């Protein structure tokens, strides 16, 4: 293990670190939005939209991110839609993550007691008001554990981006290993970089989960 080699590689890993965080953040935010919309469509059993959402979630969860990225990166240009590698990565993360987020939100919404829904209907709430004042506040609190697990999962999935040459952390490590053959040093930095992202985030999400669990709506 050469610390000099590790030190020389840090600027490149720093760029990969920032890019990984950027892509993961955009992908996770998009996945949460998609998942929330899909779960509300499921919850209210909206005609036409519910079968479409079902097909989407089944396709997204039962195909690997690797295949999804290949399709976005290589098949879309044939259809006339040319995307950058980073755009493909973000869209792929949203496509995959949205289906998992939808399952997490759906589980939280299903945990709301029927008496809460009936009480909202009894005072004349519309579907939108019911979603805003009853379902979302309680369902989001109950969904936190599943959402936290999905966030960690999606960050780790960014390592797949290396297949379309996005210079994130894993791609940076593989490129350096291929050029200089210092496998131990570069893998060591890679592990530390992911630990710097995931360990603090895991602690924060665990703390949030505990706060919500003992909050007004948590269990």
N, C-alpha and C. Protein backbone atom coordinates (compact mmCIF):
# COMPACT_ATOMS: atom_id res chain seq x y z
N UNK A 1 0.85 -1.19 0.00
CA UNK A 1 0.00 0.00 0.00
C UNK A 1 0.88 1.24 0.00
N UNK A 2 0.77 2.05 -1.06
CA UNK A 2 1.58 3.26 -1.18
C UNK A 2 0.69 4.48 -0.94
N UNK A 3 0.99 5.23 0.12
CA UNK A 3 0.20 6.42 0.44
C UNK A 3 0.47 7.54 -0.57
N UNK A 4 1.65 7.53 -1.18
CA UNK A 4 1.96 8.54 -2.20
C UNK A 4 1.05 8.37 -3.41
N UNK A 5 0.82 7.13 -3.82
CA UNK A 5 -0.07 6.86 -4.95
C UNK A 5 -1.50 7.26 -4.61
N UNK A 6 -1.92 6.97 -3.39
CA UNK A 6 -3.27 7.35 -2.95
C UNK A 6 -3.42 8.87 -3.00
N UNK A 7 -2.41 9.58 -2.51
CA UNK A 7 -2.47 11.04 -2.49
C UNK A 7 -2.55 11.61 -3.90
N UNK A 8 -1.82 11.03 -4.83
CA UNK A 8 -1.82 11.51 -6.21
C UNK A 8 -3.18 11.30 -6.88
N UNK A 9 -3.90 10.27 -6.45
CA UNK A 9 -5.19 9.96 -7.07
C UNK A 9 -6.36 10.76 -6.50
N UNK A 10 -6.15 11.42 -5.38
CA UNK A 10 -7.26 12.09 -4.69
C UNK A 10 -7.97 13.15 -5.55
N UNK A 11 -7.27 13.99 -6.33
CA UNK A 11 -8.01 14.97 -7.15
C UNK A 11 -9.00 14.33 -8.12
N UNK A 12 -8.60 13.21 -8.74
CA UNK A 12 -9.51 12.52 -9.66
C UNK A 12 -10.69 11.91 -8.92
N UNK A 13 -10.41 11.31 -7.76
CA UNK A 13 -11.49 10.74 -6.96
C UNK A 13 -12.43 11.83 -6.44
N UNK A 14 -11.88 13.01 -6.16
CA UNK A 14 -12.72 14.12 -5.69
C UNK A 14 -13.73 14.52 -6.77
N UNK A 15 -13.29 14.54 -8.03
CA UNK A 15 -14.21 14.86 -9.13
C UNK A 15 -15.28 13.78 -9.26
N UNK A 16 -14.86 12.52 -9.15
CA UNK A 16 -15.82 11.42 -9.20
C UNK A 16 -16.79 11.45 -8.04
N UNK A 17 -16.29 11.84 -6.88
CA UNK A 17 -17.11 11.95 -5.67
C UNK A 17 -18.22 12.98 -5.86
N UNK A 18 -17.85 14.15 -6.37
CA UNK A 18 -18.83 15.23 -6.58
C UNK A 18 -19.85 14.81 -7.63
N UNK A 19 -19.39 14.19 -8.71
CA UNK A 19 -20.30 13.76 -9.76
C UNK A 19 -21.26 12.69 -9.26
N UNK A 20 -20.76 11.76 -8.46
CA UNK A 20 -21.62 10.72 -7.89
C UNK A 20 -22.72 11.33 -7.03
N UNK A 21 -22.35 12.28 -6.18
CA UNK A 21 -23.34 12.95 -5.34
C UNK A 21 -24.37 13.71 -6.17
N UNK A 22 -23.90 14.39 -7.21
CA UNK A 22 -24.80 15.17 -8.06
C UNK A 22 -25.81 14.27 -8.76
N UNK A 23 -25.33 13.21 -9.40
CA UNK A 23 -26.22 12.31 -10.13
C UNK A 23 -27.17 11.59 -9.18
N UNK A 24 -26.64 11.15 -8.03
CA UNK A 24 -27.48 10.44 -7.06
C UNK A 24 -28.57 11.35 -6.51
N UNK A 25 -28.21 12.60 -6.21
CA UNK A 25 -29.19 13.54 -5.66
C UNK A 25 -30.32 13.80 -6.65
N UNK A 26 -29.97 14.10 -7.90
CA UNK A 26 -30.99 14.35 -8.92
C UNK A 26 -31.85 13.11 -9.16
N UNK A 27 -31.20 11.95 -9.22
CA UNK A 27 -31.94 10.71 -9.45
C UNK A 27 -32.89 10.39 -8.30
N UNK A 28 -32.43 10.58 -7.07
CA UNK A 28 -33.27 10.27 -5.90
C UNK A 28 -34.45 11.23 -5.81
N UNK A 29 -34.21 12.52 -6.03
CA UNK A 29 -35.31 13.50 -6.00
C UNK A 29 -36.35 13.14 -7.06
N UNK A 30 -35.89 12.84 -8.27
CA UNK A 30 -36.82 12.44 -9.33
C UNK A 30 -37.56 11.16 -8.99
N UNK A 31 -36.86 10.20 -8.40
CA UNK A 31 -37.49 8.93 -8.03
C UNK A 31 -38.56 9.13 -6.96
N UNK A 32 -38.30 10.01 -6.01
CA UNK A 32 -39.29 10.29 -4.97
C UNK A 32 -40.55 10.90 -5.57
N UNK A 33 -40.37 11.85 -6.50
CA UNK A 33 -41.52 12.48 -7.14
C UNK A 33 -42.33 11.46 -7.94
N UNK A 34 -41.63 10.66 -8.74
CA UNK A 34 -42.32 9.63 -9.54
C UNK A 34 -43.01 8.62 -8.64
N UNK A 35 -42.31 8.17 -7.60
CA UNK A 35 -42.88 7.19 -6.68
C UNK A 35 -44.11 7.71 -5.97
N UNK A 36 -44.07 8.98 -5.57
CA UNK A 36 -45.22 9.57 -4.88
C UNK A 36 -46.43 9.66 -5.79
N UNK A 37 -46.21 10.09 -7.02
CA UNK A 37 -47.32 10.17 -7.98
C UNK A 37 -47.91 8.79 -8.25
N UNK A 38 -47.04 7.81 -8.47
CA UNK A 38 -47.51 6.44 -8.74
C UNK A 38 -48.29 5.87 -7.57
N UNK A 39 -47.80 6.11 -6.36
CA UNK A 39 -48.48 5.55 -5.18
C UNK A 39 -49.84 6.19 -4.96
N UNK A 40 -49.98 7.48 -5.25
CA UNK A 40 -51.28 8.14 -5.12
C UNK A 40 -52.26 7.60 -6.17
N UNK A 41 -51.75 7.33 -7.37
CA UNK A 41 -52.60 6.73 -8.41
C UNK A 41 -53.06 5.34 -7.97
N UNK A 42 -52.14 4.57 -7.37
CA UNK A 42 -52.51 3.26 -6.83
C UNK A 42 -53.57 3.40 -5.74
N UNK A 43 -53.33 4.34 -4.83
CA UNK A 43 -54.18 4.46 -3.64
C UNK A 43 -55.62 4.80 -4.03
N UNK A 44 -55.76 5.74 -4.98
CA UNK A 44 -57.10 6.17 -5.37
C UNK A 44 -57.67 5.32 -6.51
N UNK A 45 -56.85 4.32 -7.00
CA UNK A 45 -57.30 3.40 -8.05
C UNK A 45 -57.89 4.15 -9.25
N UNK A 46 -57.11 5.10 -9.76
CA UNK A 46 -57.58 5.92 -10.88
C UNK A 46 -57.66 5.07 -12.15
N UNK A 47 -58.78 5.13 -12.85
CA UNK A 47 -58.92 4.32 -14.08
C UNK A 47 -57.90 4.76 -15.13
N UNK A 48 -57.53 3.86 -15.99
CA UNK A 48 -56.56 4.05 -17.08
C UNK A 48 -55.13 4.20 -16.54
N UNK A 49 -54.94 5.11 -15.57
CA UNK A 49 -53.60 5.35 -15.05
C UNK A 49 -53.07 4.20 -14.20
N UNK A 50 -53.95 3.53 -13.46
CA UNK A 50 -53.51 2.45 -12.59
C UNK A 50 -52.86 1.29 -13.36
N UNK A 51 -53.45 0.81 -14.45
CA UNK A 51 -52.77 -0.24 -15.22
C UNK A 51 -51.43 0.22 -15.80
N UNK A 52 -51.36 1.48 -16.23
CA UNK A 52 -50.10 2.01 -16.77
C UNK A 52 -49.02 2.01 -15.71
N UNK A 53 -49.37 2.45 -14.49
CA UNK A 53 -48.41 2.48 -13.39
C UNK A 53 -47.99 1.06 -13.01
N UNK A 54 -48.94 0.13 -13.04
CA UNK A 54 -48.61 -1.26 -12.73
C UNK A 54 -47.60 -1.83 -13.72
N UNK A 55 -47.80 -1.57 -14.99
CA UNK A 55 -46.86 -2.03 -16.01
C UNK A 55 -45.49 -1.40 -15.80
N UNK A 56 -45.48 -0.09 -15.54
CA UNK A 56 -44.21 0.61 -15.31
C UNK A 56 -43.43 0.02 -14.14
N UNK A 57 -44.10 -0.17 -13.00
CA UNK A 57 -43.39 -0.66 -11.81
C UNK A 57 -42.89 -2.08 -12.01
N UNK A 58 -43.68 -2.91 -12.69
CA UNK A 58 -43.24 -4.28 -12.93
C UNK A 58 -42.03 -4.33 -13.86
N UNK A 59 -42.06 -3.52 -14.92
CA UNK A 59 -40.92 -3.48 -15.85
C UNK A 59 -39.68 -2.93 -15.16
N UNK A 60 -39.84 -1.85 -14.41
CA UNK A 60 -38.69 -1.20 -13.77
C UNK A 60 -38.05 -2.09 -12.72
N UNK A 61 -38.86 -2.79 -11.92
CA UNK A 61 -38.31 -3.59 -10.84
C UNK A 61 -37.79 -4.94 -11.31
N UNK A 62 -38.22 -5.38 -12.48
CA UNK A 62 -37.83 -6.71 -12.95
C UNK A 62 -36.82 -6.67 -14.10
N UNK A 63 -36.24 -5.52 -14.36
CA UNK A 63 -35.15 -5.41 -15.32
C UNK A 63 -33.96 -4.75 -14.63
N UNK A 64 -32.74 -5.22 -14.88
CA UNK A 64 -31.56 -4.64 -14.23
C UNK A 64 -31.31 -3.21 -14.71
N UNK A 65 -30.73 -2.39 -13.83
CA UNK A 65 -30.36 -1.02 -14.21
C UNK A 65 -29.38 -1.04 -15.36
N UNK A 66 -28.52 -2.05 -15.40
CA UNK A 66 -27.54 -2.18 -16.48
C UNK A 66 -28.24 -2.21 -17.84
N UNK A 67 -29.29 -3.02 -17.98
CA UNK A 67 -30.03 -3.13 -19.23
C UNK A 67 -30.75 -1.82 -19.54
N UNK A 68 -31.31 -1.20 -18.52
CA UNK A 68 -32.01 0.07 -18.72
C UNK A 68 -31.06 1.14 -19.24
N UNK A 69 -29.84 1.19 -18.70
CA UNK A 69 -28.85 2.18 -19.14
C UNK A 69 -28.42 1.90 -20.58
N UNK A 70 -28.21 0.63 -20.91
CA UNK A 70 -27.84 0.28 -22.28
C UNK A 70 -28.93 0.74 -23.25
N UNK A 71 -30.19 0.53 -22.88
CA UNK A 71 -31.30 0.92 -23.75
C UNK A 71 -31.32 2.43 -23.94
N UNK A 72 -31.16 3.18 -22.85
CA UNK A 72 -31.17 4.64 -22.94
C UNK A 72 -30.00 5.17 -23.76
N UNK A 73 -28.84 4.57 -23.55
CA UNK A 73 -27.61 5.10 -24.14
C UNK A 73 -27.42 4.69 -25.60
N UNK A 74 -27.85 3.45 -25.93
CA UNK A 74 -27.59 2.94 -27.27
C UNK A 74 -28.84 2.86 -28.15
N UNK A 75 -30.00 2.60 -27.56
CA UNK A 75 -31.21 2.45 -28.37
C UNK A 75 -31.88 3.79 -28.68
N UNK A 76 -31.87 4.70 -27.72
CA UNK A 76 -32.54 5.99 -27.94
C UNK A 76 -31.97 6.76 -29.13
N UNK A 77 -30.63 6.79 -29.32
CA UNK A 77 -30.12 7.50 -30.52
C UNK A 77 -30.64 6.94 -31.83
N UNK A 78 -30.89 5.63 -31.88
CA UNK A 78 -31.45 5.02 -33.08
C UNK A 78 -32.86 5.55 -33.34
N UNK A 79 -33.59 5.83 -32.23
CA UNK A 79 -34.94 6.37 -32.34
C UNK A 79 -34.95 7.89 -32.55
N UNK A 80 -33.76 8.49 -32.55
CA UNK A 80 -33.65 9.93 -32.78
C UNK A 80 -33.56 10.76 -31.52
N UNK A 81 -33.47 10.10 -30.36
CA UNK A 81 -33.35 10.83 -29.09
C UNK A 81 -31.94 10.61 -28.54
N UNK A 82 -31.10 11.59 -28.67
CA UNK A 82 -29.72 11.46 -28.23
C UNK A 82 -29.56 12.12 -26.85
N UNK A 83 -29.13 11.35 -25.89
CA UNK A 83 -28.93 11.83 -24.52
C UNK A 83 -27.47 11.70 -24.15
N UNK A 84 -27.01 12.60 -23.27
CA UNK A 84 -25.65 12.47 -22.75
C UNK A 84 -25.60 11.31 -21.77
N UNK A 85 -24.40 10.86 -21.45
CA UNK A 85 -24.26 9.75 -20.51
C UNK A 85 -24.84 10.12 -19.14
N UNK A 86 -24.60 11.35 -18.70
CA UNK A 86 -25.13 11.78 -17.40
C UNK A 86 -26.66 11.81 -17.40
N UNK A 87 -27.24 12.28 -18.49
CA UNK A 87 -28.71 12.29 -18.60
C UNK A 87 -29.27 10.88 -18.56
N UNK A 88 -28.59 9.96 -19.25
CA UNK A 88 -29.03 8.56 -19.22
C UNK A 88 -28.95 8.00 -17.81
N UNK A 89 -27.88 8.34 -17.08
CA UNK A 89 -27.73 7.86 -15.72
C UNK A 89 -28.83 8.36 -14.81
N UNK A 90 -29.15 9.65 -14.91
CA UNK A 90 -30.19 10.24 -14.06
C UNK A 90 -31.55 9.64 -14.39
N UNK A 91 -31.87 9.55 -15.69
CA UNK A 91 -33.16 8.98 -16.10
C UNK A 91 -33.27 7.52 -15.67
N UNK A 92 -32.17 6.77 -15.84
CA UNK A 92 -32.18 5.38 -15.41
C UNK A 92 -32.41 5.23 -13.92
N UNK A 93 -31.79 6.10 -13.14
CA UNK A 93 -31.96 6.04 -11.68
C UNK A 93 -33.39 6.42 -11.29
N UNK A 94 -33.95 7.40 -11.97
CA UNK A 94 -35.33 7.79 -11.70
C UNK A 94 -36.29 6.66 -12.09
N UNK A 95 -36.04 6.06 -13.25
CA UNK A 95 -36.92 4.98 -13.74
C UNK A 95 -36.92 3.80 -12.77
N UNK A 96 -35.72 3.38 -12.36
CA UNK A 96 -35.63 2.26 -11.42
C UNK A 96 -36.11 2.67 -10.03
N UNK A 97 -35.60 3.79 -9.54
CA UNK A 97 -35.92 4.21 -8.18
C UNK A 97 -37.38 4.56 -7.99
N UNK A 98 -38.02 5.13 -9.02
CA UNK A 98 -39.43 5.49 -8.89
C UNK A 98 -40.30 4.31 -8.55
N UNK A 99 -39.99 3.14 -9.13
CA UNK A 99 -40.79 1.95 -8.85
C UNK A 99 -40.62 1.48 -7.41
N UNK A 100 -39.40 1.57 -6.89
CA UNK A 100 -39.16 1.18 -5.50
C UNK A 100 -39.75 2.19 -4.52
N UNK A 101 -39.62 3.46 -4.87
CA UNK A 101 -40.22 4.50 -4.02
C UNK A 101 -41.74 4.35 -3.99
N UNK A 102 -42.33 4.00 -5.13
CA UNK A 102 -43.78 3.81 -5.19
C UNK A 102 -44.22 2.72 -4.23
N UNK A 103 -43.44 1.62 -4.18
CA UNK A 103 -43.77 0.53 -3.25
C UNK A 103 -43.65 1.00 -1.81
N UNK A 104 -42.62 1.82 -1.52
CA UNK A 104 -42.44 2.33 -0.16
C UNK A 104 -43.57 3.24 0.26
N UNK A 105 -43.95 4.16 -0.62
CA UNK A 105 -45.06 5.06 -0.31
C UNK A 105 -46.37 4.30 -0.17
N UNK A 106 -46.59 3.33 -1.06
CA UNK A 106 -47.83 2.54 -1.01
C UNK A 106 -47.96 1.82 0.33
N UNK A 107 -46.84 1.27 0.80
CA UNK A 107 -46.86 0.60 2.10
C UNK A 107 -47.23 1.56 3.22
N UNK A 108 -46.71 2.79 3.15
CA UNK A 108 -47.05 3.78 4.16
C UNK A 108 -48.50 4.19 4.09
N UNK A 109 -49.00 4.40 2.87
CA UNK A 109 -50.40 4.81 2.72
C UNK A 109 -51.35 3.72 3.17
N UNK A 110 -50.98 2.47 2.90
CA UNK A 110 -51.83 1.35 3.32
C UNK A 110 -51.87 1.22 4.85
N UNK A 111 -50.89 1.80 5.53
CA UNK A 111 -50.86 1.73 6.98
C UNK A 111 -51.79 2.71 7.67
N UNK A 112 -52.38 3.63 6.90
CA UNK A 112 -53.31 4.60 7.48
C UNK A 112 -54.63 3.90 7.80
N UNK A 113 -55.14 4.09 8.98
CA UNK A 113 -56.37 3.41 9.38
C UNK A 113 -57.57 3.93 8.57
N UNK A 114 -58.53 3.05 8.34
CA UNK A 114 -59.72 3.43 7.57
C UNK A 114 -60.52 4.52 8.27
N UNK A 115 -60.45 4.54 9.59
CA UNK A 115 -61.21 5.56 10.32
C UNK A 115 -60.73 6.97 9.97
N UNK A 116 -59.43 7.13 9.70
CA UNK A 116 -58.89 8.43 9.32
C UNK A 116 -59.47 8.86 7.97
N UNK A 117 -59.51 7.92 7.03
CA UNK A 117 -60.04 8.23 5.70
C UNK A 117 -61.54 8.54 5.78
N UNK A 118 -62.25 7.72 6.53
CA UNK A 118 -63.69 7.92 6.67
C UNK A 118 -64.01 9.24 7.35
N UNK A 119 -63.18 9.64 8.31
CA UNK A 119 -63.38 10.92 8.98
C UNK A 119 -63.21 12.08 8.00
N UNK A 120 -62.21 11.98 7.13
CA UNK A 120 -62.01 13.02 6.13
C UNK A 120 -63.16 13.09 5.14
N UNK A 121 -63.65 11.92 4.74
CA UNK A 121 -64.79 11.89 3.81
C UNK A 121 -66.06 12.43 4.48
N UNK A 122 -66.19 12.17 5.77
CA UNK A 122 -67.39 12.59 6.49
C UNK A 122 -67.51 14.11 6.56
N UNK A 123 -66.38 14.81 6.60
CA UNK A 123 -66.43 16.27 6.69
C UNK A 123 -66.35 16.91 5.29
N UNK A 124 -66.46 16.07 4.26
CA UNK A 124 -66.59 16.60 2.91
C UNK A 124 -65.30 16.86 2.16
N UNK A 125 -64.20 16.23 2.56
CA UNK A 125 -62.94 16.42 1.84
C UNK A 125 -63.04 15.85 0.42
N UNK A 126 -62.51 16.59 -0.53
CA UNK A 126 -62.36 16.06 -1.88
C UNK A 126 -61.15 15.11 -1.88
N UNK A 127 -60.91 14.43 -3.00
CA UNK A 127 -59.74 13.54 -3.08
C UNK A 127 -58.44 14.30 -2.86
N UNK A 128 -58.35 15.49 -3.45
CA UNK A 128 -57.13 16.29 -3.29
C UNK A 128 -56.94 16.69 -1.83
N UNK A 129 -58.01 17.14 -1.17
CA UNK A 129 -57.92 17.53 0.24
C UNK A 129 -57.62 16.33 1.12
N UNK A 130 -58.19 15.19 0.79
CA UNK A 130 -57.93 13.97 1.55
C UNK A 130 -56.45 13.59 1.44
N UNK A 131 -55.92 13.70 0.23
CA UNK A 131 -54.51 13.39 0.03
C UNK A 131 -53.61 14.38 0.78
N UNK A 132 -53.96 15.67 0.71
CA UNK A 132 -53.11 16.70 1.29
C UNK A 132 -53.13 16.70 2.81
N UNK A 133 -54.29 16.55 3.41
CA UNK A 133 -54.43 16.74 4.85
C UNK A 133 -54.45 15.44 5.66
N UNK A 134 -54.73 14.32 5.03
CA UNK A 134 -54.85 13.06 5.77
C UNK A 134 -53.81 12.04 5.31
N UNK A 135 -53.81 11.73 4.01
CA UNK A 135 -52.98 10.64 3.51
C UNK A 135 -51.50 10.99 3.52
N UNK A 136 -51.14 12.13 2.94
CA UNK A 136 -49.71 12.48 2.84
C UNK A 136 -49.03 12.66 4.20
N UNK A 137 -49.59 13.43 5.13
CA UNK A 137 -48.88 13.61 6.42
C UNK A 137 -48.64 12.29 7.15
N UNK A 138 -49.64 11.43 7.18
CA UNK A 138 -49.49 10.17 7.90
C UNK A 138 -48.72 9.13 7.08
N UNK A 139 -49.05 9.05 5.78
CA UNK A 139 -48.40 8.06 4.92
C UNK A 139 -46.91 8.31 4.76
N UNK A 140 -46.50 9.56 4.64
CA UNK A 140 -45.08 9.88 4.51
C UNK A 140 -44.30 9.48 5.75
N UNK A 141 -44.90 9.72 6.92
CA UNK A 141 -44.23 9.33 8.16
C UNK A 141 -44.04 7.81 8.23
N UNK A 142 -45.06 7.07 7.83
CA UNK A 142 -44.97 5.61 7.86
C UNK A 142 -44.04 5.06 6.78
N UNK A 143 -43.78 5.86 5.75
CA UNK A 143 -42.95 5.40 4.63
C UNK A 143 -41.46 5.62 4.85
N UNK A 144 -41.07 6.36 5.87
CA UNK A 144 -39.67 6.75 6.05
C UNK A 144 -38.70 5.56 6.05
N UNK A 145 -38.97 4.46 6.79
CA UNK A 145 -38.01 3.35 6.77
C UNK A 145 -37.74 2.79 5.37
N UNK A 146 -38.81 2.60 4.59
CA UNK A 146 -38.65 2.06 3.24
C UNK A 146 -37.93 3.06 2.34
N UNK A 147 -38.26 4.34 2.48
CA UNK A 147 -37.62 5.36 1.65
C UNK A 147 -36.14 5.48 1.98
N UNK A 148 -35.79 5.38 3.25
CA UNK A 148 -34.39 5.45 3.66
C UNK A 148 -33.59 4.31 3.04
N UNK A 149 -34.15 3.12 3.06
CA UNK A 149 -33.48 1.96 2.45
C UNK A 149 -33.31 2.15 0.95
N UNK A 150 -34.31 2.74 0.31
CA UNK A 150 -34.24 2.97 -1.13
C UNK A 150 -33.20 4.02 -1.50
N UNK A 151 -33.07 5.04 -0.68
CA UNK A 151 -32.06 6.08 -0.92
C UNK A 151 -30.66 5.47 -0.90
N UNK A 152 -30.37 4.65 0.12
CA UNK A 152 -29.07 3.99 0.21
C UNK A 152 -28.85 3.08 -1.00
N UNK A 153 -29.90 2.34 -1.37
CA UNK A 153 -29.81 1.43 -2.51
C UNK A 153 -29.49 2.18 -3.80
N UNK A 154 -30.14 3.31 -4.03
CA UNK A 154 -29.94 4.05 -5.28
C UNK A 154 -28.56 4.68 -5.34
N UNK A 155 -28.04 5.12 -4.22
CA UNK A 155 -26.68 5.67 -4.22
C UNK A 155 -25.68 4.59 -4.62
N UNK A 156 -25.85 3.40 -4.08
CA UNK A 156 -24.94 2.30 -4.44
C UNK A 156 -25.10 1.90 -5.90
N UNK A 157 -26.30 2.06 -6.45
CA UNK A 157 -26.54 1.70 -7.85
C UNK A 157 -25.81 2.63 -8.81
N UNK A 158 -25.36 3.81 -8.35
CA UNK A 158 -24.61 4.70 -9.24
C UNK A 158 -23.32 4.05 -9.72
N UNK A 159 -22.85 3.03 -9.04
CA UNK A 159 -21.63 2.33 -9.49
C UNK A 159 -21.83 1.66 -10.84
N UNK A 160 -23.10 1.40 -11.21
CA UNK A 160 -23.40 0.79 -12.51
C UNK A 160 -23.15 1.77 -13.65
N UNK A 161 -23.11 3.07 -13.34
CA UNK A 161 -22.94 4.08 -14.37
C UNK A 161 -21.63 3.92 -15.14
N UNK A 162 -20.71 3.16 -14.57
CA UNK A 162 -19.43 2.98 -15.23
C UNK A 162 -19.58 2.32 -16.60
N UNK A 163 -20.69 1.58 -16.84
CA UNK A 163 -20.86 0.87 -18.11
C UNK A 163 -21.12 1.83 -19.26
N UNK A 164 -21.54 3.07 -18.97
CA UNK A 164 -21.73 4.06 -20.04
C UNK A 164 -20.72 5.20 -19.89
N UNK A 165 -19.60 4.87 -19.24
CA UNK A 165 -18.44 5.76 -19.18
C UNK A 165 -18.70 7.08 -18.47
N UNK A 166 -19.58 7.08 -17.47
CA UNK A 166 -19.73 8.26 -16.63
C UNK A 166 -18.59 8.24 -15.60
N UNK A 167 -17.79 9.30 -15.49
CA UNK A 167 -16.62 9.26 -14.61
C UNK A 167 -16.95 9.45 -13.13
N UNK A 168 -17.84 8.61 -12.62
CA UNK A 168 -18.15 8.65 -11.18
C UNK A 168 -17.08 7.85 -10.42
N UNK A 169 -17.31 7.54 -9.17
CA UNK A 169 -16.28 6.94 -8.33
C UNK A 169 -15.78 5.60 -8.85
N UNK A 170 -16.69 4.70 -9.17
CA UNK A 170 -16.27 3.37 -9.61
C UNK A 170 -15.53 3.43 -10.94
N UNK A 171 -16.03 4.24 -11.85
CA UNK A 171 -15.37 4.39 -13.14
C UNK A 171 -13.97 4.97 -12.99
N UNK A 172 -13.84 5.94 -12.08
CA UNK A 172 -12.53 6.55 -11.81
C UNK A 172 -11.55 5.49 -11.30
N UNK A 173 -12.00 4.67 -10.35
CA UNK A 173 -11.13 3.62 -9.81
C UNK A 173 -10.73 2.62 -10.88
N UNK A 174 -11.67 2.19 -11.70
CA UNK A 174 -11.37 1.21 -12.75
C UNK A 174 -10.41 1.77 -13.79
N UNK A 175 -10.60 3.05 -14.15
CA UNK A 175 -9.69 3.68 -15.11
C UNK A 175 -8.27 3.75 -14.57
N UNK A 176 -8.13 4.15 -13.31
CA UNK A 176 -6.80 4.26 -12.70
C UNK A 176 -6.14 2.89 -12.58
N UNK A 177 -6.92 1.89 -12.21
CA UNK A 177 -6.37 0.53 -12.11
C UNK A 177 -5.90 0.06 -13.49
N UNK A 178 -6.70 0.35 -14.52
CA UNK A 178 -6.34 -0.05 -15.86
C UNK A 178 -5.07 0.62 -16.38
N UNK A 179 -4.85 1.85 -15.92
CA UNK A 179 -3.67 2.59 -16.41
C UNK A 179 -2.41 2.30 -15.60
N UNK A 180 -2.57 2.18 -14.27
CA UNK A 180 -1.38 2.12 -13.42
C UNK A 180 -1.26 0.82 -12.61
N UNK A 181 -2.28 -0.02 -12.59
CA UNK A 181 -2.25 -1.34 -11.95
C UNK A 181 -2.04 -1.30 -10.43
N UNK A 182 -2.34 -0.17 -9.80
CA UNK A 182 -2.24 -0.10 -8.34
C UNK A 182 -3.62 -0.41 -7.75
N UNK A 183 -3.98 -1.68 -7.84
CA UNK A 183 -5.34 -2.09 -7.49
C UNK A 183 -5.68 -1.82 -6.03
N UNK A 184 -4.81 -2.21 -5.12
CA UNK A 184 -5.10 -2.08 -3.69
C UNK A 184 -5.33 -0.62 -3.30
N UNK A 185 -4.48 0.25 -3.78
CA UNK A 185 -4.59 1.66 -3.40
C UNK A 185 -5.89 2.29 -3.90
N UNK A 186 -6.22 2.03 -5.17
CA UNK A 186 -7.40 2.68 -5.75
C UNK A 186 -8.70 2.08 -5.20
N UNK A 187 -8.71 0.78 -4.95
CA UNK A 187 -9.90 0.19 -4.34
C UNK A 187 -10.08 0.67 -2.90
N UNK A 188 -8.98 0.88 -2.21
CA UNK A 188 -9.04 1.41 -0.85
C UNK A 188 -9.70 2.79 -0.85
N UNK A 189 -9.27 3.66 -1.76
CA UNK A 189 -9.86 5.00 -1.85
C UNK A 189 -11.34 4.91 -2.24
N UNK A 190 -11.66 3.98 -3.13
CA UNK A 190 -13.06 3.80 -3.56
C UNK A 190 -13.95 3.42 -2.37
N UNK A 191 -13.49 2.48 -1.58
CA UNK A 191 -14.27 2.05 -0.41
C UNK A 191 -14.44 3.20 0.57
N UNK A 192 -13.37 3.94 0.83
CA UNK A 192 -13.45 5.07 1.75
C UNK A 192 -14.41 6.14 1.24
N UNK A 193 -14.37 6.39 -0.08
CA UNK A 193 -15.24 7.41 -0.66
C UNK A 193 -16.72 7.05 -0.48
N UNK A 194 -17.07 5.79 -0.77
CA UNK A 194 -18.46 5.37 -0.57
C UNK A 194 -18.84 5.39 0.91
N UNK A 195 -17.89 5.05 1.78
CA UNK A 195 -18.16 5.07 3.22
C UNK A 195 -18.45 6.50 3.69
N UNK A 196 -17.71 7.47 3.14
CA UNK A 196 -17.92 8.87 3.51
C UNK A 196 -19.32 9.33 3.13
N UNK A 197 -19.83 8.81 2.02
CA UNK A 197 -21.19 9.16 1.61
C UNK A 197 -22.24 8.40 2.41
N UNK A 198 -22.07 7.09 2.51
CA UNK A 198 -23.16 6.23 2.99
C UNK A 198 -23.28 6.16 4.51
N UNK A 199 -22.15 6.16 5.23
CA UNK A 199 -22.24 6.01 6.68
C UNK A 199 -22.91 7.21 7.34
N UNK A 200 -22.49 8.46 7.08
CA UNK A 200 -23.22 9.59 7.67
C UNK A 200 -24.68 9.65 7.23
N UNK A 201 -24.93 9.36 5.94
CA UNK A 201 -26.31 9.38 5.46
C UNK A 201 -27.15 8.33 6.16
N UNK A 202 -26.59 7.15 6.36
CA UNK A 202 -27.30 6.09 7.05
C UNK A 202 -27.64 6.49 8.48
N UNK A 203 -26.71 7.15 9.16
CA UNK A 203 -26.95 7.60 10.54
C UNK A 203 -28.04 8.67 10.58
N UNK A 204 -28.00 9.59 9.61
CA UNK A 204 -29.01 10.65 9.56
C UNK A 204 -30.40 10.06 9.30
N UNK A 205 -30.48 9.13 8.36
CA UNK A 205 -31.77 8.51 8.04
C UNK A 205 -32.30 7.67 9.20
N UNK A 206 -31.39 7.00 9.92
CA UNK A 206 -31.80 6.22 11.09
C UNK A 206 -32.35 7.15 12.17
N UNK A 207 -31.68 8.28 12.37
CA UNK A 207 -32.16 9.27 13.35
C UNK A 207 -33.53 9.80 12.94
N UNK A 208 -33.70 10.11 11.65
CA UNK A 208 -34.99 10.61 11.16
C UNK A 208 -36.08 9.56 11.34
N UNK A 209 -35.75 8.31 11.07
CA UNK A 209 -36.72 7.23 11.23
C UNK A 209 -37.18 7.12 12.68
N UNK A 210 -36.24 7.25 13.62
CA UNK A 210 -36.60 7.17 15.04
C UNK A 210 -37.47 8.34 15.45
N UNK A 211 -37.15 9.53 14.96
CA UNK A 211 -37.96 10.70 15.31
C UNK A 211 -39.38 10.55 14.79
N UNK A 212 -39.50 10.06 13.57
CA UNK A 212 -40.82 9.90 12.98
C UNK A 212 -41.59 8.80 13.69
N UNK A 213 -40.89 7.74 14.08
CA UNK A 213 -41.53 6.60 14.73
C UNK A 213 -42.24 7.01 16.01
N UNK A 214 -41.62 7.95 16.73
CA UNK A 214 -42.21 8.37 17.99
C UNK A 214 -42.96 9.69 17.85
N UNK A 215 -43.18 10.12 16.59
CA UNK A 215 -43.91 11.36 16.35
C UNK A 215 -45.41 11.13 16.39
N UNK A 216 -46.12 12.12 15.90
CA UNK A 216 -47.56 12.09 15.97
C UNK A 216 -48.16 10.93 15.18
N UNK A 217 -47.61 10.67 13.97
CA UNK A 217 -48.21 9.69 13.09
C UNK A 217 -47.42 8.38 13.04
N UNK A 218 -46.19 8.36 13.54
CA UNK A 218 -45.37 7.17 13.41
C UNK A 218 -45.79 6.07 14.34
N UNK A 219 -45.27 4.87 14.09
CA UNK A 219 -45.58 3.71 14.94
C UNK A 219 -44.26 3.03 15.29
